[in-house]
């Protein structure tokens, strides 16, 4: 499997040279699908570029869906010999973001009540970081802040004035909770890099995904600094009966409620009839 992925990456180098999907949108705008982001005009010209691809760009959620594996592979295209500084690769996959409020419960007068709270303007429902080495060693804090690569920086902004003094404790609690659910993940050393040219990463998408566009970013790093970035998207959608019920619940909530009630009544009557048939004498 590794051999096939790396061979595919090598072939992709030749195809990418003529594909014409290079753009210069700049960070932090998220561009269209399958685009490589060039450095800003003020940045010195780089002689290494990423050419990459995904094993699949769409995931279908069905009743039996238990997660999905995505192979992200690629190669480094150069117009001069590679520098002596070791090359590193970082891959992130980010799910749709949502605003949320993190609350802390406190015991007052013998009962638990919501006390202080922190509102997060946008936190991804899923976030995975996969690297060739320890993240803190291969990426500078400045580059991490600019590109928002590490898990804590994936949360975009705070909304309104928090009612708590220790805001970091709230975000750390959210991260711990989502790590336990398998929604936030840091896999250091899991990107395979061969001869400073071919790379591949296997990313596991959990079963508890939400619909939406999942943003994939690949960072080429030398000396702690990002020298090139490639971005693509994975479309996650419900299909079949699950899709129909999902749309019915949002588009026609009254019909969905009546249908749910009818199913519950029929199921209850069926169970009762079955018990009467099985009851002896």
C-alpha atoms as a PDB file:
ATOM      1  CA  UNK A   1       0.000   0.000   0.000  1.00  0.00           C
ATOM      2  CA  UNK A   2       2.831   2.410   0.882  1.00  0.00           C
ATOM      3  CA  UNK A   3       4.617   1.607  -2.361  1.00  0.00           C
ATOM      4  CA  UNK A   4       1.505   2.252  -4.447  1.00  0.00           C
ATOM      5  CA  UNK A   5       0.879   5.567  -2.705  1.00  0.00           C
ATOM      6  CA  UNK A   6       4.417   6.820  -3.219  1.00  0.00           C
ATOM      7  CA  UNK A   7       4.488   5.710  -6.845  1.00  0.00           C
ATOM      8  CA  UNK A   8       1.218   7.555  -7.394  1.00  0.00           C
ATOM      9  CA  UNK A   9       2.769  10.638  -5.820  1.00  0.00           C
ATOM     10  CA  UNK A  10       5.727  10.437  -8.201  1.00  0.00           C
ATOM     11  CA  UNK A  11       3.410  10.207 -11.192  1.00  0.00           C
ATOM     12  CA  UNK A  12       1.448  13.150  -9.825  1.00  0.00           C
ATOM     13  CA  UNK A  13       4.545  15.353 -10.031  1.00  0.00           C
ATOM     14  CA  UNK A  14       4.563  14.999 -13.809  1.00  0.00           C
ATOM     15  CA  UNK A  15       0.836  15.607 -14.095  1.00  0.00           C
ATOM     16  CA  UNK A  16       0.879  18.573 -11.706  1.00  0.00           C
ATOM     17  CA  UNK A  17       3.497  20.426 -13.706  1.00  0.00           C
ATOM     18  CA  UNK A  18       0.947  20.901 -16.484  1.00  0.00           C
ATOM     19  CA  UNK A  19      -2.257  21.083 -14.463  1.00  0.00           C
ATOM     20  CA  UNK A  20      -2.276  24.862 -14.105  1.00  0.00           C
ATOM     21  CA  UNK A  21      -3.986  25.022 -10.702  1.00  0.00           C
ATOM     22  CA  UNK A  22      -1.354  27.218  -9.013  1.00  0.00           C
ATOM     23  CA  UNK A  23      -2.907  30.296  -7.383  1.00  0.00           C
ATOM     24  CA  UNK A  24      -1.801  33.183  -5.220  1.00  0.00           C
ATOM     25  CA  UNK A  25      -4.691  33.817  -2.824  1.00  0.00           C
ATOM     26  CA  UNK A  26      -2.562  34.006   0.306  1.00  0.00           C
ATOM     27  CA  UNK A  27      -3.405  33.015   3.874  1.00  0.00           C
ATOM     28  CA  UNK A  28      -5.892  32.928   5.609  1.00  0.00           C
ATOM     29  CA  UNK A  29      -8.519  32.877   2.824  1.00  0.00           C
ATOM     30  CA  UNK A  30      -9.574  29.324   1.963  1.00  0.00           C
ATOM     31  CA  UNK A  31      -9.536  28.947  -1.836  1.00  0.00           C
ATOM     32  CA  UNK A  32     -11.160  26.448  -4.161  1.00  0.00           C
ATOM     33  CA  UNK A  33     -10.513  22.727  -4.292  1.00  0.00           C
ATOM     34  CA  UNK A  34      -7.086  21.304  -5.149  1.00  0.00           C
ATOM     35  CA  UNK A  35      -5.043  24.485  -5.118  1.00  0.00           C
ATOM     36  CA  UNK A  36      -1.499  25.226  -4.103  1.00  0.00           C
ATOM     37  CA  UNK A  37      -0.998  28.488  -2.218  1.00  0.00           C
ATOM     38  CA  UNK A  38       2.080  30.420  -3.261  1.00  0.00           C
ATOM     39  CA  UNK A  39       4.058  32.515  -0.768  1.00  0.00           C
ATOM     40  CA  UNK A  40       3.274  36.232  -0.468  1.00  0.00           C
ATOM     41  CA  UNK A  41       4.980  38.644  -2.841  1.00  0.00           C
ATOM     42  CA  UNK A  42       7.162  39.961   0.008  1.00  0.00           C
ATOM     43  CA  UNK A  43       8.496  36.469   0.742  1.00  0.00           C
ATOM     44  CA  UNK A  44      11.672  35.300  -1.072  1.00  0.00           C
ATOM     45  CA  UNK A  45      10.983  33.017  -4.020  1.00  0.00           C
ATOM     46  CA  UNK A  46      10.867  29.358  -3.000  1.00  0.00           C
ATOM     47  CA  UNK A  47      12.352  26.626  -5.138  1.00  0.00           C
ATOM     48  CA  UNK A  48      10.280  23.790  -3.681  1.00  0.00           C
ATOM     49  CA  UNK A  49       6.599  23.234  -4.364  1.00  0.00           C
ATOM     50  CA  UNK A  50       4.068  20.626  -3.274  1.00  0.00           C
ATOM     51  CA  UNK A  51       2.240  18.465  -5.795  1.00  0.00           C
ATOM     52  CA  UNK A  52      -0.311  16.337  -3.956  1.00  0.00           C
ATOM     53  CA  UNK A  53      -3.570  14.429  -4.096  1.00  0.00           C
ATOM     54  CA  UNK A  54      -6.130  12.558  -1.994  1.00  0.00           C
ATOM     55  CA  UNK A  55      -7.255   8.950  -2.343  1.00  0.00           C
ATOM     56  CA  UNK A  56     -10.838  10.236  -2.230  1.00  0.00           C
ATOM     57  CA  UNK A  57     -12.434  13.666  -2.133  1.00  0.00           C
ATOM     58  CA  UNK A  58     -15.901  12.586  -0.978  1.00  0.00           C
ATOM     59  CA  UNK A  59     -17.191  10.530   1.966  1.00  0.00           C
ATOM     60  CA  UNK A  60     -20.735   9.123   2.125  1.00  0.00           C
ATOM     61  CA  UNK A  61     -22.356   8.704   5.550  1.00  0.00           C
ATOM     62  CA  UNK A  62     -24.768   5.748   5.609  1.00  0.00           C
ATOM     63  CA  UNK A  63     -26.480   3.736   8.354  1.00  0.00           C
ATOM     64  CA  UNK A  64     -23.489   1.385   8.506  1.00  0.00           C
ATOM     65  CA  UNK A  65     -20.828   4.118   8.372  1.00  0.00           C
ATOM     66  CA  UNK A  66     -18.073   3.442  10.927  1.00  0.00           C
ATOM     67  CA  UNK A  67     -15.454   5.911   9.775  1.00  0.00           C
ATOM     68  CA  UNK A  68     -13.243   6.302   6.732  1.00  0.00           C
ATOM     69  CA  UNK A  69      -9.530   6.267   5.933  1.00  0.00           C
ATOM     70  CA  UNK A  70      -8.133   8.981   3.651  1.00  0.00           C
ATOM     71  CA  UNK A  71      -4.725   8.602   2.003  1.00  0.00           C
ATOM     72  CA  UNK A  72      -3.034  11.961   1.383  1.00  0.00           C
ATOM     73  CA  UNK A  73       0.036  11.630  -0.814  1.00  0.00           C
ATOM     74  CA  UNK A  74       2.332  13.833  -2.831  1.00  0.00           C
ATOM     75  CA  UNK A  75       5.813  14.894  -3.820  1.00  0.00           C
ATOM     76  CA  UNK A  76       8.089  17.916  -3.717  1.00  0.00           C
ATOM     77  CA  UNK A  77       8.867  19.523  -7.064  1.00  0.00           C
ATOM     78  CA  UNK A  78      12.241  21.333  -7.171  1.00  0.00           C
ATOM     79  CA  UNK A  79      14.098  23.481  -9.671  1.00  0.00           C
ATOM     80  CA  UNK A  80      17.395  23.239  -7.781  1.00  0.00           C
ATOM     81  CA  UNK A  81      19.115  20.805  -5.355  1.00  0.00           C
ATOM     82  CA  UNK A  82      17.478  20.412  -1.943  1.00  0.00           C
ATOM     83  CA  UNK A  83      18.942  22.503   0.924  1.00  0.00           C
ATOM     84  CA  UNK A  84      20.846  20.795   3.739  1.00  0.00           C
ATOM     85  CA  UNK A  85      18.177  21.705   6.322  1.00  0.00           C
ATOM     86  CA  UNK A  86      15.899  18.683   6.920  1.00  0.00           C
ATOM     87  CA  UNK A  87      12.531  18.791   5.190  1.00  0.00           C
ATOM     88  CA  UNK A  88       9.358  18.305   7.245  1.00  0.00           C
ATOM     89  CA  UNK A  89       5.732  17.779   6.214  1.00  0.00           C
ATOM     90  CA  UNK A  90       2.599  18.632   8.211  1.00  0.00           C
ATOM     91  CA  UNK A  91      -0.912  17.582   7.154  1.00  0.00           C
ATOM     92  CA  UNK A  92      -4.092  18.951   8.755  1.00  0.00           C
ATOM     93  CA  UNK A  93      -7.730  18.008   8.149  1.00  0.00           C
ATOM     94  CA  UNK A  94     -10.342  20.393   9.540  1.00  0.00           C
ATOM     95  CA  UNK A  95     -14.089  19.847   9.739  1.00  0.00           C
ATOM     96  CA  UNK A  96     -16.814  22.516   9.635  1.00  0.00           C
ATOM     97  CA  UNK A  97     -16.610  25.042  12.459  1.00  0.00           C
ATOM     98  CA  UNK A  98     -19.369  26.186  14.777  1.00  0.00           C
ATOM     99  CA  UNK A  99     -19.849  28.694  17.563  1.00  0.00           C
ATOM    100  CA  UNK A 100     -20.206  27.201  21.026  1.00  0.00           C
ATOM    101  CA  UNK A 101     -20.195  28.090  24.704  1.00  0.00           C
ATOM    102  CA  UNK A 102     -18.050  26.245  27.237  1.00  0.00           C
ATOM    103  CA  UNK A 103     -19.557  26.293  30.727  1.00  0.00           C
ATOM    104  CA  UNK A 104     -18.163  25.357  34.111  1.00  0.00           C
ATOM    105  CA  UNK A 105     -20.492  23.817  36.683  1.00  0.00           C
ATOM    106  CA  UNK A 106     -20.085  24.729  40.329  1.00  0.00           C
ATOM    107  CA  UNK A 107     -21.793  23.397  43.451  1.00  0.00           C
ATOM    108  CA  UNK A 108     -23.842  26.083  45.135  1.00  0.00           C
ATOM    109  CA  UNK A 109     -26.264  25.504  48.023  1.00  0.00           C
ATOM    110  CA  UNK A 110     -26.055  21.761  47.440  1.00  0.00           C
ATOM    111  CA  UNK A 111     -26.886  21.782  43.725  1.00  0.00           C
ATOM    112  CA  UNK A 112     -24.782  21.944  40.551  1.00  0.00           C
ATOM    113  CA  UNK A 113     -25.357  25.073  38.449  1.00  0.00           C
ATOM    114  CA  UNK A 114     -23.704  26.667  35.414  1.00  0.00           C
ATOM    115  CA  UNK A 115     -21.366  29.365  36.667  1.00  0.00           C
ATOM    116  CA  UNK A 116     -18.672  30.938  34.479  1.00  0.00           C
ATOM    117  CA  UNK A 117     -18.665  30.513  30.705  1.00  0.00           C
ATOM    118  CA  UNK A 118     -16.500  31.222  27.654  1.00  0.00           C
ATOM    119  CA  UNK A 119     -17.945  31.602  24.153  1.00  0.00           C
ATOM    120  CA  UNK A 120     -15.848  30.426  21.205  1.00  0.00           C
ATOM    121  CA  UNK A 121     -16.627  32.116  17.893  1.00  0.00           C
ATOM    122  CA  UNK A 122     -15.573  29.149  15.737  1.00  0.00           C
ATOM    123  CA  UNK A 123     -14.279  25.728  16.757  1.00  0.00           C
ATOM    124  CA  UNK A 124     -13.888  22.908  14.222  1.00  0.00           C
ATOM    125  CA  UNK A 125     -16.032  19.838  14.805  1.00  0.00           C
ATOM    126  CA  UNK A 126     -13.079  17.689  13.709  1.00  0.00           C
ATOM    127  CA  UNK A 127      -9.361  18.534  13.573  1.00  0.00           C
ATOM    128  CA  UNK A 128      -6.422  16.262  12.833  1.00  0.00           C
ATOM    129  CA  UNK A 129      -2.727  17.152  12.675  1.00  0.00           C
ATOM    130  CA  UNK A 130      -0.277  14.607  11.223  1.00  0.00           C
ATOM    131  CA  UNK A 131       3.457  15.323  11.032  1.00  0.00           C
ATOM    132  CA  UNK A 132       6.842  13.852  10.165  1.00  0.00           C
ATOM    133  CA  UNK A 133       8.180  14.715  13.638  1.00  0.00           C
ATOM    134  CA  UNK A 134       7.374  16.416  16.959  1.00  0.00           C
ATOM    135  CA  UNK A 135       5.328  19.504  16.082  1.00  0.00           C
ATOM    136  CA  UNK A 136       7.040  21.846  18.532  1.00  0.00           C
ATOM    137  CA  UNK A 137      10.454  20.887  17.173  1.00  0.00           C
ATOM    138  CA  UNK A 138       9.721  21.198  13.452  1.00  0.00           C
ATOM    139  CA  UNK A 139       7.495  24.315  13.461  1.00  0.00           C
ATOM    140  CA  UNK A 140       8.288  27.745  14.879  1.00  0.00           C
ATOM    141  CA  UNK A 141       5.707  29.451  17.145  1.00  0.00           C
ATOM    142  CA  UNK A 142       5.458  32.351  14.681  1.00  0.00           C
ATOM    143  CA  UNK A 143       4.613  30.047  11.780  1.00  0.00           C
ATOM    144  CA  UNK A 144       2.125  28.172  13.947  1.00  0.00           C
ATOM    145  CA  UNK A 145       0.401  31.436  14.877  1.00  0.00           C
ATOM    146  CA  UNK A 146       0.238  32.618  11.280  1.00  0.00           C
ATOM    147  CA  UNK A 147      -1.137  29.399   9.776  1.00  0.00           C
ATOM    148  CA  UNK A 148      -3.062  28.176  12.865  1.00  0.00           C
ATOM    149  CA  UNK A 149      -1.725  24.629  12.639  1.00  0.00           C
ATOM    150  CA  UNK A 150      -1.690  23.287  16.209  1.00  0.00           C
ATOM    151  CA  UNK A 151      -4.930  22.114  17.811  1.00  0.00           C
ATOM    152  CA  UNK A 152      -5.392  25.070  20.254  1.00  0.00           C
ATOM    153  CA  UNK A 153      -4.928  27.602  17.456  1.00  0.00           C
ATOM    154  CA  UNK A 154      -7.567  25.891  15.299  1.00  0.00           C
ATOM    155  CA  UNK A 155     -10.187  27.753  17.346  1.00  0.00           C
ATOM    156  CA  UNK A 156     -10.546  30.980  15.454  1.00  0.00           C
ATOM    157  CA  UNK A 157     -11.897  33.578  17.866  1.00  0.00           C
ATOM    158  CA  UNK A 158     -13.658  34.288  21.134  1.00  0.00           C
ATOM    159  CA  UNK A 159     -17.124  35.826  21.001  1.00  0.00           C
ATOM    160  CA  UNK A 160     -18.076  38.460  23.542  1.00  0.00           C
ATOM    161  CA  UNK A 161     -16.595  39.045  26.969  1.00  0.00           C
ATOM    162  CA  UNK A 162     -15.949  35.833  28.925  1.00  0.00           C
ATOM    163  CA  UNK A 163     -17.383  35.517  32.418  1.00  0.00           C
ATOM    164  CA  UNK A 164     -14.344  33.505  33.547  1.00  0.00           C
ATOM    165  CA  UNK A 165     -10.875  34.634  34.514  1.00  0.00           C
ATOM    166  CA  UNK A 166      -8.963  31.538  33.353  1.00  0.00           C
ATOM    167  CA  UNK A 167     -10.032  31.349  29.674  1.00  0.00           C
ATOM    168  CA  UNK A 168      -7.252  28.888  28.652  1.00  0.00           C
ATOM    169  CA  UNK A 169      -8.594  26.328  31.141  1.00  0.00           C
ATOM    170  CA  UNK A 170     -11.932  26.318  29.321  1.00  0.00           C
ATOM    171  CA  UNK A 171     -10.418  25.769  25.875  1.00  0.00           C
ATOM    172  CA  UNK A 172      -8.137  23.066  27.266  1.00  0.00           C
ATOM    173  CA  UNK A 173     -11.183  21.300  28.705  1.00  0.00           C
ATOM    174  CA  UNK A 174     -12.917  21.437  25.306  1.00  0.00           C
ATOM    175  CA  UNK A 175      -9.831  20.021  23.588  1.00  0.00           C
ATOM    176  CA  UNK A 176      -9.523  17.183  26.122  1.00  0.00           C
ATOM    177  CA  UNK A 177     -13.199  16.302  25.669  1.00  0.00           C
ATOM    178  CA  UNK A 178     -12.922  16.202  21.875  1.00  0.00           C
ATOM    179  CA  UNK A 179      -9.706  14.196  22.037  1.00  0.00           C
ATOM    180  CA  UNK A 180     -11.594  11.586  24.098  1.00  0.00           C
ATOM    181  CA  UNK A 181     -14.291  11.526  21.416  1.00  0.00           C
ATOM    182  CA  UNK A 182     -11.685  11.050  18.678  1.00  0.00           C
ATOM    183  CA  UNK A 183     -12.573  14.410  17.101  1.00  0.00           C
ATOM    184  CA  UNK A 184      -9.242  16.149  17.791  1.00  0.00           C
ATOM    185  CA  UNK A 185      -6.011  14.303  17.105  1.00  0.00           C
ATOM    186  CA  UNK A 186      -2.261  14.945  16.917  1.00  0.00           C
ATOM    187  CA  UNK A 187      -0.286  12.136  15.231  1.00  0.00           C
ATOM    188  CA  UNK A 188       3.381  13.085  15.380  1.00  0.00           C
ATOM    189  CA  UNK A 189       5.790  11.110  13.210  1.00  0.00           C
ATOM    190  CA  UNK A 190       2.988   9.516  11.162  1.00  0.00           C
ATOM    191  CA  UNK A 191       3.783  11.173   7.826  1.00  0.00           C
ATOM    192  CA  UNK A 192       6.098   8.932   5.783  1.00  0.00           C
ATOM    193  CA  UNK A 193       8.753  10.921   3.883  1.00  0.00           C
ATOM    194  CA  UNK A 194      11.081   9.195   1.404  1.00  0.00           C
ATOM    195  CA  UNK A 195      14.285  10.821   0.094  1.00  0.00           C
ATOM    196  CA  UNK A 196      12.991  14.309   0.982  1.00  0.00           C
ATOM    197  CA  UNK A 197      10.700  14.010  -2.027  1.00  0.00           C
ATOM    198  CA  UNK A 198       7.766  11.597  -1.669  1.00  0.00           C
ATOM    199  CA  UNK A 199       5.372  11.697   1.275  1.00  0.00           C
ATOM    200  CA  UNK A 200       2.135  10.091   2.417  1.00  0.00           C
ATOM    201  CA  UNK A 201      -0.187  10.374   5.395  1.00  0.00           C
ATOM    202  CA  UNK A 202      -3.113   8.170   6.427  1.00  0.00           C
ATOM    203  CA  UNK A 203      -5.880  10.105   8.195  1.00  0.00           C
ATOM    204  CA  UNK A 204      -8.723   8.307   9.953  1.00  0.00           C
ATOM    205  CA  UNK A 205     -12.097  10.079   9.895  1.00  0.00           C
ATOM    206  CA  UNK A 206     -14.239   8.871  12.842  1.00  0.00           C
ATOM    207  CA  UNK A 207     -17.802   7.597  12.629  1.00  0.00           C
ATOM    208  CA  UNK A 208     -19.269  10.639  14.434  1.00  0.00           C
ATOM    209  CA  UNK A 209     -18.684  13.082  11.577  1.00  0.00           C
ATOM    210  CA  UNK A 210     -20.969  15.951  10.651  1.00  0.00           C
ATOM    211  CA  UNK A 211     -21.806  16.960   7.089  1.00  0.00           C
ATOM    212  CA  UNK A 212     -19.807  19.623   5.336  1.00  0.00           C
ATOM    213  CA  UNK A 213     -16.579  20.465   3.568  1.00  0.00           C
ATOM    214  CA  UNK A 214     -13.458  19.183   5.352  1.00  0.00           C
ATOM    215  CA  UNK A 215     -10.415  21.315   4.595  1.00  0.00           C
ATOM    216  CA  UNK A 216      -7.124  19.527   3.986  1.00  0.00           C
ATOM    217  CA  UNK A 217      -3.850  21.458   4.221  1.00  0.00           C
ATOM    218  CA  UNK A 218      -0.328  20.229   3.503  1.00  0.00           C
ATOM    219  CA  UNK A 219       2.598  22.313   4.785  1.00  0.00           C
ATOM    220  CA  UNK A 220       6.173  22.009   3.563  1.00  0.00           C
ATOM    221  CA  UNK A 221       8.502  23.107   6.383  1.00  0.00           C
ATOM    222  CA  UNK A 222      12.253  23.794   6.598  1.00  0.00           C
ATOM    223  CA  UNK A 223      14.007  25.311   9.577  1.00  0.00           C
ATOM    224  CA  UNK A 224      10.690  25.800  11.367  1.00  0.00           C
ATOM    225  CA  UNK A 225       9.245  27.966   8.586  1.00  0.00           C
ATOM    226  CA  UNK A 226       6.494  27.117   6.100  1.00  0.00           C
ATOM    227  CA  UNK A 227       7.857  27.301   2.550  1.00  0.00           C
ATOM    228  CA  UNK A 228       4.833  26.051   0.619  1.00  0.00           C
ATOM    229  CA  UNK A 229       1.214  25.050   1.239  1.00  0.00           C
ATOM    230  CA  UNK A 230      -1.278  22.940  -0.673  1.00  0.00           C
ATOM    231  CA  UNK A 231      -5.001  22.791   0.076  1.00  0.00           C
ATOM    232  CA  UNK A 232      -7.851  20.559  -0.991  1.00  0.00           C
ATOM    233  CA  UNK A 233     -11.316  19.649   0.262  1.00  0.00           C
ATOM    234  CA  UNK A 234     -13.150  16.468   1.235  1.00  0.00           C
ATOM    235  CA  UNK A 235     -16.934  16.568   0.851  1.00  0.00           C
ATOM    236  CA  UNK A 236     -18.765  14.649   3.614  1.00  0.00           C
ATOM    237  CA  UNK A 237     -22.480  14.028   3.000  1.00  0.00           C
ATOM    238  CA  UNK A 238     -25.277  11.801   4.249  1.00  0.00           C
ATOM    239  CA  UNK A 239     -26.764   9.576   1.528  1.00  0.00           C
ATOM    240  CA  UNK A 240     -29.797   7.331   1.079  1.00  0.00           C
ATOM    241  CA  UNK A 241     -32.402   7.097   3.836  1.00  0.00           C
ATOM    242  CA  UNK A 242     -30.185   8.984   6.289  1.00  0.00           C
ATOM    243  CA  UNK A 243     -30.018  11.943   3.885  1.00  0.00           C
ATOM    244  CA  UNK A 244     -33.794  11.915   3.363  1.00  0.00           C
ATOM    245  CA  UNK A 245     -34.545  11.859   7.101  1.00  0.00           C
ATOM    246  CA  UNK A 246     -31.925  14.550   7.768  1.00  0.00           C
ATOM    247  CA  UNK A 247     -33.439  16.905   5.195  1.00  0.00           C
ATOM    248  CA  UNK A 248     -36.989  16.086   6.325  1.00  0.00           C
ATOM    249  CA  UNK A 249     -36.159  17.042   9.922  1.00  0.00           C
ATOM    250  CA  UNK A 250     -34.903  20.471   8.835  1.00  0.00           C
ATOM    251  CA  UNK A 251     -37.220  21.253   5.914  1.00  0.00           C
ATOM    252  CA  UNK A 252     -40.499  19.837   7.274  1.00  0.00           C
ATOM    253  CA  UNK A 253     -40.188  19.412  11.062  1.00  0.00           C
ATOM    254  CA  UNK A 254     -43.955  18.880  11.544  1.00  0.00           C
ATOM    255  CA  UNK A 255     -44.038  15.992   9.066  1.00  0.00           C
ATOM    256  CA  UNK A 256     -40.881  14.552  10.626  1.00  0.00           C
ATOM    257  CA  UNK A 257     -42.442  14.704  14.106  1.00  0.00           C
ATOM    258  CA  UNK A 258     -45.688  13.040  12.975  1.00  0.00           C
ATOM    259  CA  UNK A 259     -43.730  10.347  11.136  1.00  0.00           C
ATOM    260  CA  UNK A 260     -41.612   9.672  14.229  1.00  0.00           C
ATOM    261  CA  UNK A 261     -44.769   9.419  16.360  1.00  0.00           C
ATOM    262  CA  UNK A 262     -46.388   7.007  13.881  1.00  0.00           C
ATOM    263  CA  UNK A 263     -43.305   4.798  13.812  1.00  0.00           C
ATOM    264  CA  UNK A 264     -43.209   4.727  17.637  1.00  0.00           C
ATOM    265  CA  UNK A 265     -46.909   3.745  17.829  1.00  0.00           C
ATOM    266  CA  UNK A 266     -46.524   1.016  15.210  1.00  0.00           C
ATOM    267  CA  UNK A 267     -43.388  -0.337  16.886  1.00  0.00           C
ATOM    268  CA  UNK A 268     -45.104  -0.397  20.289  1.00  0.00           C
ATOM    269  CA  UNK A 269     -48.202  -2.139  18.906  1.00  0.00           C
ATOM    270  CA  UNK A 270     -46.044  -4.681  17.059  1.00  0.00           C
ATOM    271  CA  UNK A 271     -44.052  -5.506  20.182  1.00  0.00           C
ATOM    272  CA  UNK A 272     -47.240  -5.926  22.198  1.00  0.00           C
ATOM    273  CA  UNK A 273     -48.789  -8.223  19.558  1.00  0.00           C
ATOM    274  CA  UNK A 274     -45.633 -10.319  19.415  1.00  0.00           C
ATOM    275  CA  UNK A 275     -45.602 -10.758  23.199  1.00  0.00           C
ATOM    276  CA  UNK A 276     -49.251 -11.927  23.142  1.00  0.00           C
ATOM    277  CA  UNK A 277     -48.403 -14.523  20.487  1.00  0.00           C
ATOM    278  CA  UNK A 278     -45.420 -15.796  22.461  1.00  0.00           C
ATOM    279  CA  UNK A 279     -47.261 -15.877  25.778  1.00  0.00           C
ATOM    280  CA  UNK A 280     -48.024 -19.501  26.731  1.00  0.00           C
ATOM    281  CA  UNK A 281     -51.704 -20.738  26.888  1.00  0.00           C
END
